[in-house]
Amino acid sequence: VPLVYEETLYGVLNVYSDRPGAFDADERALLAELGETVAHALHRVAVQQQYENQYRVLFEEAPVMFAFTRELNGEPIIEDCNRQFADKLGYGREALRGRPLADVYTEASARELLGGDGYARALAGEFRQEEREFVTSDGGRVSTLLRATPRRTEDGEVVGTHALYVDI
């Protein structure tokens, strides 16, 4: 049974029997349908992998600073960041992962994030564009314009934010 979807051959499903003529017309039709279903599933997996790869490249190569946060006791923790984010702040990405976001903000920006309900609004999807300032590893400052949106699991549960910063 060929595993074909939109003219792409993904493989062949071989079904064996211990006797000749073991599969009647109904069984062959069912196997053909199974072949189409399996090919469609293989196609969906390939497309999903392609989208995930494109998303990862976009995340990594974007000319803006990206960070994914997760919530821990009401506070944003940097779960991942792109190279631009790490480079602008003068840290390696591993040094930033797992670190509270407020640790790399100036005092005023950290107050807005935590005390000014900035993170709570971002988790609720009510965040507007705002300025945030970072402290670099060498004590310098990076002023940015931030846009944050809720980050959800496949089930729709909010687990953190997508934070995009533009160096201004």
C-alpha atoms as a PDB file:
ATOM      1  CA  VAL A   1       0.000   0.000   0.000  1.00  0.00           C
ATOM      2  CA  PRO A   2       1.678   3.270  -1.064  1.00  0.00           C
ATOM      3  CA  LEU A   3       1.858   6.028   1.543  1.00  0.00           C
ATOM      4  CA  VAL A   4       1.232   9.018  -0.748  1.00  0.00           C
ATOM      5  CA  TYR A   5      -0.004  12.500   0.086  1.00  0.00           C
ATOM      6  CA  GLU A   6      -0.267  15.197  -2.611  1.00  0.00           C
ATOM      7  CA  GLU A   7       2.140  13.395  -4.928  1.00  0.00           C
ATOM      8  CA  THR A   8       4.744  12.864  -2.198  1.00  0.00           C
ATOM      9  CA  LEU A   9       5.624   9.238  -1.550  1.00  0.00           C
ATOM     10  CA  TYR A  10       6.452   8.757   2.128  1.00  0.00           C
ATOM     11  CA  GLY A  11       6.913   5.013   1.926  1.00  0.00           C
ATOM     12  CA  VAL A  12       5.102   1.749   1.441  1.00  0.00           C
ATOM     13  CA  LEU A  13       3.001  -0.242   3.888  1.00  0.00           C
ATOM     14  CA  ASN A  14       3.591  -3.955   3.375  1.00  0.00           C
ATOM     15  CA  VAL A  15       0.948  -6.383   4.621  1.00  0.00           C
ATOM     16  CA  TYR A  16       1.622 -10.089   4.427  1.00  0.00           C
ATOM     17  CA  SER A  17      -0.507 -13.201   4.664  1.00  0.00           C
ATOM     18  CA  ASP A  18       0.341 -16.874   4.911  1.00  0.00           C
ATOM     19  CA  ARG A  19      -1.884 -17.652   1.908  1.00  0.00           C
ATOM     20  CA  PRO A  20      -2.549 -16.261  -1.575  1.00  0.00           C
ATOM     21  CA  GLY A  21      -5.697 -14.162  -2.138  1.00  0.00           C
ATOM     22  CA  ALA A  22      -6.089 -13.514   1.584  1.00  0.00           C
ATOM     23  CA  PHE A  23      -7.356  -9.919   1.154  1.00  0.00           C
ATOM     24  CA  ASP A  24     -10.717  -9.310  -0.486  1.00  0.00           C
ATOM     25  CA  ALA A  25     -11.813  -6.054  -2.154  1.00  0.00           C
ATOM     26  CA  ASP A  26     -13.164  -4.548   1.094  1.00  0.00           C
ATOM     27  CA  GLU A  27      -9.945  -5.291   2.959  1.00  0.00           C
ATOM     28  CA  ARG A  28      -7.832  -3.832   0.147  1.00  0.00           C
ATOM     29  CA  ALA A  29     -10.002  -0.687   0.144  1.00  0.00           C
ATOM     30  CA  LEU A  30      -9.578  -0.405   3.920  1.00  0.00           C
ATOM     31  CA  LEU A  31      -5.809  -0.816   3.586  1.00  0.00           C
ATOM     32  CA  ALA A  32      -5.734   1.846   0.842  1.00  0.00           C
ATOM     33  CA  GLU A  33      -7.629   4.215   3.165  1.00  0.00           C
ATOM     34  CA  LEU A  34      -5.193   3.380   5.959  1.00  0.00           C
ATOM     35  CA  GLY A  35      -2.309   4.222   3.602  1.00  0.00           C
ATOM     36  CA  GLU A  36      -3.859   7.624   2.833  1.00  0.00           C
ATOM     37  CA  THR A  37      -4.400   8.313   6.537  1.00  0.00           C
ATOM     38  CA  VAL A  38      -0.845   7.364   7.474  1.00  0.00           C
ATOM     39  CA  ALA A  39       0.555   9.478   4.606  1.00  0.00           C
ATOM     40  CA  HIS A  40      -1.534  12.451   5.713  1.00  0.00           C
ATOM     41  CA  ALA A  41      -0.244  12.046   9.286  1.00  0.00           C
ATOM     42  CA  LEU A  42       3.359  11.872   8.039  1.00  0.00           C
ATOM     43  CA  HIS A  43       2.762  15.015   5.975  1.00  0.00           C
ATOM     44  CA  ARG A  44       1.369  16.870   9.025  1.00  0.00           C
ATOM     45  CA  VAL A  45       4.410  15.875  11.095  1.00  0.00           C
ATOM     46  CA  ALA A  46       6.752  17.112   8.352  1.00  0.00           C
ATOM     47  CA  VAL A  47       4.882  20.427   8.053  1.00  0.00           C
ATOM     48  CA  GLN A  48       4.870  20.876  11.843  1.00  0.00           C
ATOM     49  CA  GLN A  49       8.626  20.280  11.971  1.00  0.00           C
ATOM     50  CA  GLN A  50       9.133  22.780   9.156  1.00  0.00           C
ATOM     51  CA  TYR A  51       7.100  25.433  11.021  1.00  0.00           C
ATOM     52  CA  GLU A  52       8.950  24.767  14.261  1.00  0.00           C
ATOM     53  CA  ASN A  53      12.300  25.091  12.467  1.00  0.00           C
ATOM     54  CA  GLN A  54      11.218  28.358  10.814  1.00  0.00           C
ATOM     55  CA  TYR A  55       9.954  29.688  14.147  1.00  0.00           C
ATOM     56  CA  ARG A  56      13.247  28.792  15.838  1.00  0.00           C
ATOM     57  CA  VAL A  57      15.256  30.535  13.082  1.00  0.00           C
ATOM     58  CA  LEU A  58      13.030  33.616  13.356  1.00  0.00           C
ATOM     59  CA  PHE A  59      13.480  33.625  17.142  1.00  0.00           C
ATOM     60  CA  GLU A  60      17.258  33.171  16.927  1.00  0.00           C
ATOM     61  CA  GLU A  61      17.993  35.572  14.070  1.00  0.00           C
ATOM     62  CA  ALA A  62      15.522  38.379  14.814  1.00  0.00           C
ATOM     63  CA  PRO A  63      17.074  41.858  14.962  1.00  0.00           C
ATOM     64  CA  VAL A  64      15.118  42.519  18.183  1.00  0.00           C
ATOM     65  CA  MET A  65      15.484  41.184  21.702  1.00  0.00           C
ATOM     66  CA  PHE A  66      13.181  38.238  22.534  1.00  0.00           C
ATOM     67  CA  ALA A  67      12.660  36.545  25.871  1.00  0.00           C
ATOM     68  CA  PHE A  68      10.239  33.858  26.972  1.00  0.00           C
ATOM     69  CA  THR A  69       9.301  34.043  30.618  1.00  0.00           C
ATOM     70  CA  ARG A  70       7.573  31.617  32.915  1.00  0.00           C
ATOM     71  CA  GLU A  71       5.759  32.617  36.053  1.00  0.00           C
ATOM     72  CA  LEU A  72       7.174  31.539  39.383  1.00  0.00           C
ATOM     73  CA  ASN A  73       5.380  32.872  42.477  1.00  0.00           C
ATOM     74  CA  GLY A  74       4.048  35.851  40.517  1.00  0.00           C
ATOM     75  CA  GLU A  75       7.471  36.782  39.189  1.00  0.00           C
ATOM     76  CA  PRO A  76       8.756  36.382  35.617  1.00  0.00           C
ATOM     77  CA  ILE A  77      11.718  34.050  35.215  1.00  0.00           C
ATOM     78  CA  ILE A  78      13.666  34.055  31.936  1.00  0.00           C
ATOM     79  CA  GLU A  79      13.033  30.641  30.423  1.00  0.00           C
ATOM     80  CA  ASP A  80      14.766  31.348  27.128  1.00  0.00           C
ATOM     81  CA  CYS A  81      16.064  34.293  25.151  1.00  0.00           C
ATOM     82  CA  ASN A  82      17.490  34.873  21.727  1.00  0.00           C
ATOM     83  CA  ARG A  83      21.084  35.757  20.948  1.00  0.00           C
ATOM     84  CA  GLN A  84      20.236  39.447  20.459  1.00  0.00           C
ATOM     85  CA  PHE A  85      18.803  39.629  24.007  1.00  0.00           C
ATOM     86  CA  ALA A  86      21.860  37.982  25.554  1.00  0.00           C
ATOM     87  CA  ASP A  87      24.357  39.954  23.451  1.00  0.00           C
ATOM     88  CA  LYS A  88      22.763  43.342  24.202  1.00  0.00           C
ATOM     89  CA  LEU A  89      22.951  42.605  27.930  1.00  0.00           C
ATOM     90  CA  GLY A  90      26.459  41.153  27.742  1.00  0.00           C
ATOM     91  CA  TYR A  91      25.607  37.716  29.119  1.00  0.00           C
ATOM     92  CA  GLY A  92      25.673  34.192  27.776  1.00  0.00           C
ATOM     93  CA  ARG A  93      22.225  32.724  27.254  1.00  0.00           C
ATOM     94  CA  GLU A  94      22.844  30.046  29.882  1.00  0.00           C
ATOM     95  CA  ALA A  95      23.574  32.739  32.471  1.00  0.00           C
ATOM     96  CA  LEU A  96      20.166  34.316  31.771  1.00  0.00           C
ATOM     97  CA  ARG A  97      18.046  31.154  31.694  1.00  0.00           C
ATOM     98  CA  GLY A  98      16.345  30.596  35.030  1.00  0.00           C
ATOM     99  CA  ARG A  99      17.159  34.108  36.224  1.00  0.00           C
ATOM    100  CA  PRO A 100      14.425  36.511  37.416  1.00  0.00           C
ATOM    101  CA  LEU A 101      13.754  39.125  34.739  1.00  0.00           C
ATOM    102  CA  ALA A 102      13.785  41.857  37.393  1.00  0.00           C
ATOM    103  CA  ASP A 103      17.471  41.039  38.048  1.00  0.00           C
ATOM    104  CA  VAL A 104      18.474  42.517  34.685  1.00  0.00           C
ATOM    105  CA  TYR A 105      16.105  45.522  34.855  1.00  0.00           C
ATOM    106  CA  THR A 106      16.935  48.852  36.414  1.00  0.00           C
ATOM    107  CA  GLU A 107      15.236  49.512  39.769  1.00  0.00           C
ATOM    108  CA  ALA A 108      12.557  51.694  38.143  1.00  0.00           C
ATOM    109  CA  SER A 109      11.775  49.095  35.462  1.00  0.00           C
ATOM    110  CA  ALA A 110      11.711  46.292  38.056  1.00  0.00           C
ATOM    111  CA  ARG A 111       9.217  48.306  40.151  1.00  0.00           C
ATOM    112  CA  GLU A 112       6.971  48.732  37.096  1.00  0.00           C
ATOM    113  CA  LEU A 113       7.298  45.049  36.272  1.00  0.00           C
ATOM    114  CA  LEU A 114       6.414  43.764  39.733  1.00  0.00           C
ATOM    115  CA  GLY A 115       4.887  46.585  41.756  1.00  0.00           C
ATOM    116  CA  GLY A 116       3.226  48.393  38.876  1.00  0.00           C
ATOM    117  CA  ASP A 117       1.423  45.216  37.763  1.00  0.00           C
ATOM    118  CA  GLY A 118       3.211  45.146  34.377  1.00  0.00           C
ATOM    119  CA  TYR A 119       3.714  41.398  34.493  1.00  0.00           C
ATOM    120  CA  ALA A 120       0.181  40.705  35.675  1.00  0.00           C
ATOM    121  CA  ARG A 121      -1.190  42.762  32.767  1.00  0.00           C
ATOM    122  CA  ALA A 122       1.051  40.903  30.314  1.00  0.00           C
ATOM    123  CA  LEU A 123      -0.184  37.535  31.623  1.00  0.00           C
ATOM    124  CA  ALA A 124      -3.779  38.742  31.255  1.00  0.00           C
ATOM    125  CA  GLY A 125      -3.181  39.950  27.682  1.00  0.00           C
ATOM    126  CA  GLU A 126      -3.823  43.580  28.687  1.00  0.00           C
ATOM    127  CA  PHE A 127      -0.293  44.859  28.227  1.00  0.00           C
ATOM    128  CA  ARG A 128       0.409  47.903  26.141  1.00  0.00           C
ATOM    129  CA  GLN A 129       3.703  49.035  24.722  1.00  0.00           C
ATOM    130  CA  GLU A 130       5.962  50.426  27.463  1.00  0.00           C
ATOM    131  CA  GLU A 131       9.559  51.465  27.970  1.00  0.00           C
ATOM    132  CA  ARG A 132      11.869  49.240  30.013  1.00  0.00           C
ATOM    133  CA  GLU A 133      15.510  49.741  30.849  1.00  0.00           C
ATOM    134  CA  PHE A 134      18.049  46.975  31.379  1.00  0.00           C
ATOM    135  CA  VAL A 135      21.332  46.940  33.263  1.00  0.00           C
ATOM    136  CA  THR A 136      24.061  45.238  31.232  1.00  0.00           C
ATOM    137  CA  SER A 137      26.681  42.912  32.703  1.00  0.00           C
ATOM    138  CA  ASP A 138      29.204  45.789  32.751  1.00  0.00           C
ATOM    139  CA  GLY A 139      26.785  48.228  34.423  1.00  0.00           C
ATOM    140  CA  GLY A 140      25.668  50.000  31.260  1.00  0.00           C
ATOM    141  CA  ARG A 141      22.046  50.719  30.353  1.00  0.00           C
ATOM    142  CA  VAL A 142      19.918  49.580  27.427  1.00  0.00           C
ATOM    143  CA  SER A 143      16.642  51.466  26.920  1.00  0.00           C
ATOM    144  CA  THR A 144      13.967  49.459  25.137  1.00  0.00           C
ATOM    145  CA  LEU A 145      10.384  49.525  24.038  1.00  0.00           C
ATOM    146  CA  LEU A 146       8.597  46.397  25.289  1.00  0.00           C
ATOM    147  CA  ARG A 147       5.587  44.520  23.979  1.00  0.00           C
ATOM    148  CA  ALA A 148       4.567  41.424  25.957  1.00  0.00           C
ATOM    149  CA  THR A 149       1.860  38.839  25.295  1.00  0.00           C
ATOM    150  CA  PRO A 150       0.719  35.766  27.213  1.00  0.00           C
ATOM    151  CA  ARG A 151       2.527  32.498  26.474  1.00  0.00           C
ATOM    152  CA  ARG A 152       0.199  29.519  26.589  1.00  0.00           C
ATOM    153  CA  THR A 153       0.446  25.742  26.625  1.00  0.00           C
ATOM    154  CA  GLU A 154      -1.351  23.710  23.978  1.00  0.00           C
ATOM    155  CA  ASP A 155      -4.260  23.490  26.440  1.00  0.00           C
ATOM    156  CA  GLY A 156      -4.492  27.291  26.635  1.00  0.00           C
ATOM    157  CA  GLU A 157      -3.045  27.634  30.128  1.00  0.00           C
ATOM    158  CA  VAL A 158      -1.010  30.840  30.570  1.00  0.00           C
ATOM    159  CA  VAL A 159       2.482  29.913  31.772  1.00  0.00           C
ATOM    160  CA  GLY A 160       4.425  33.087  31.092  1.00  0.00           C
ATOM    161  CA  THR A 161       4.995  35.694  28.418  1.00  0.00           C
ATOM    162  CA  HIS A 162       6.548  36.340  25.044  1.00  0.00           C
ATOM    163  CA  ALA A 163       8.482  39.568  25.511  1.00  0.00           C
ATOM    164  CA  LEU A 164       9.803  41.506  22.532  1.00  0.00           C
ATOM    165  CA  TYR A 165      12.149  44.436  23.203  1.00  0.00           C
ATOM    166  CA  VAL A 166      13.292  46.999  20.652  1.00  0.00           C
ATOM    167  CA  ASP A 167      16.474  48.881  21.570  1.00  0.00           C
ATOM    168  CA  ILE A 168      15.638  52.584  21.455  1.00  0.00           C
END
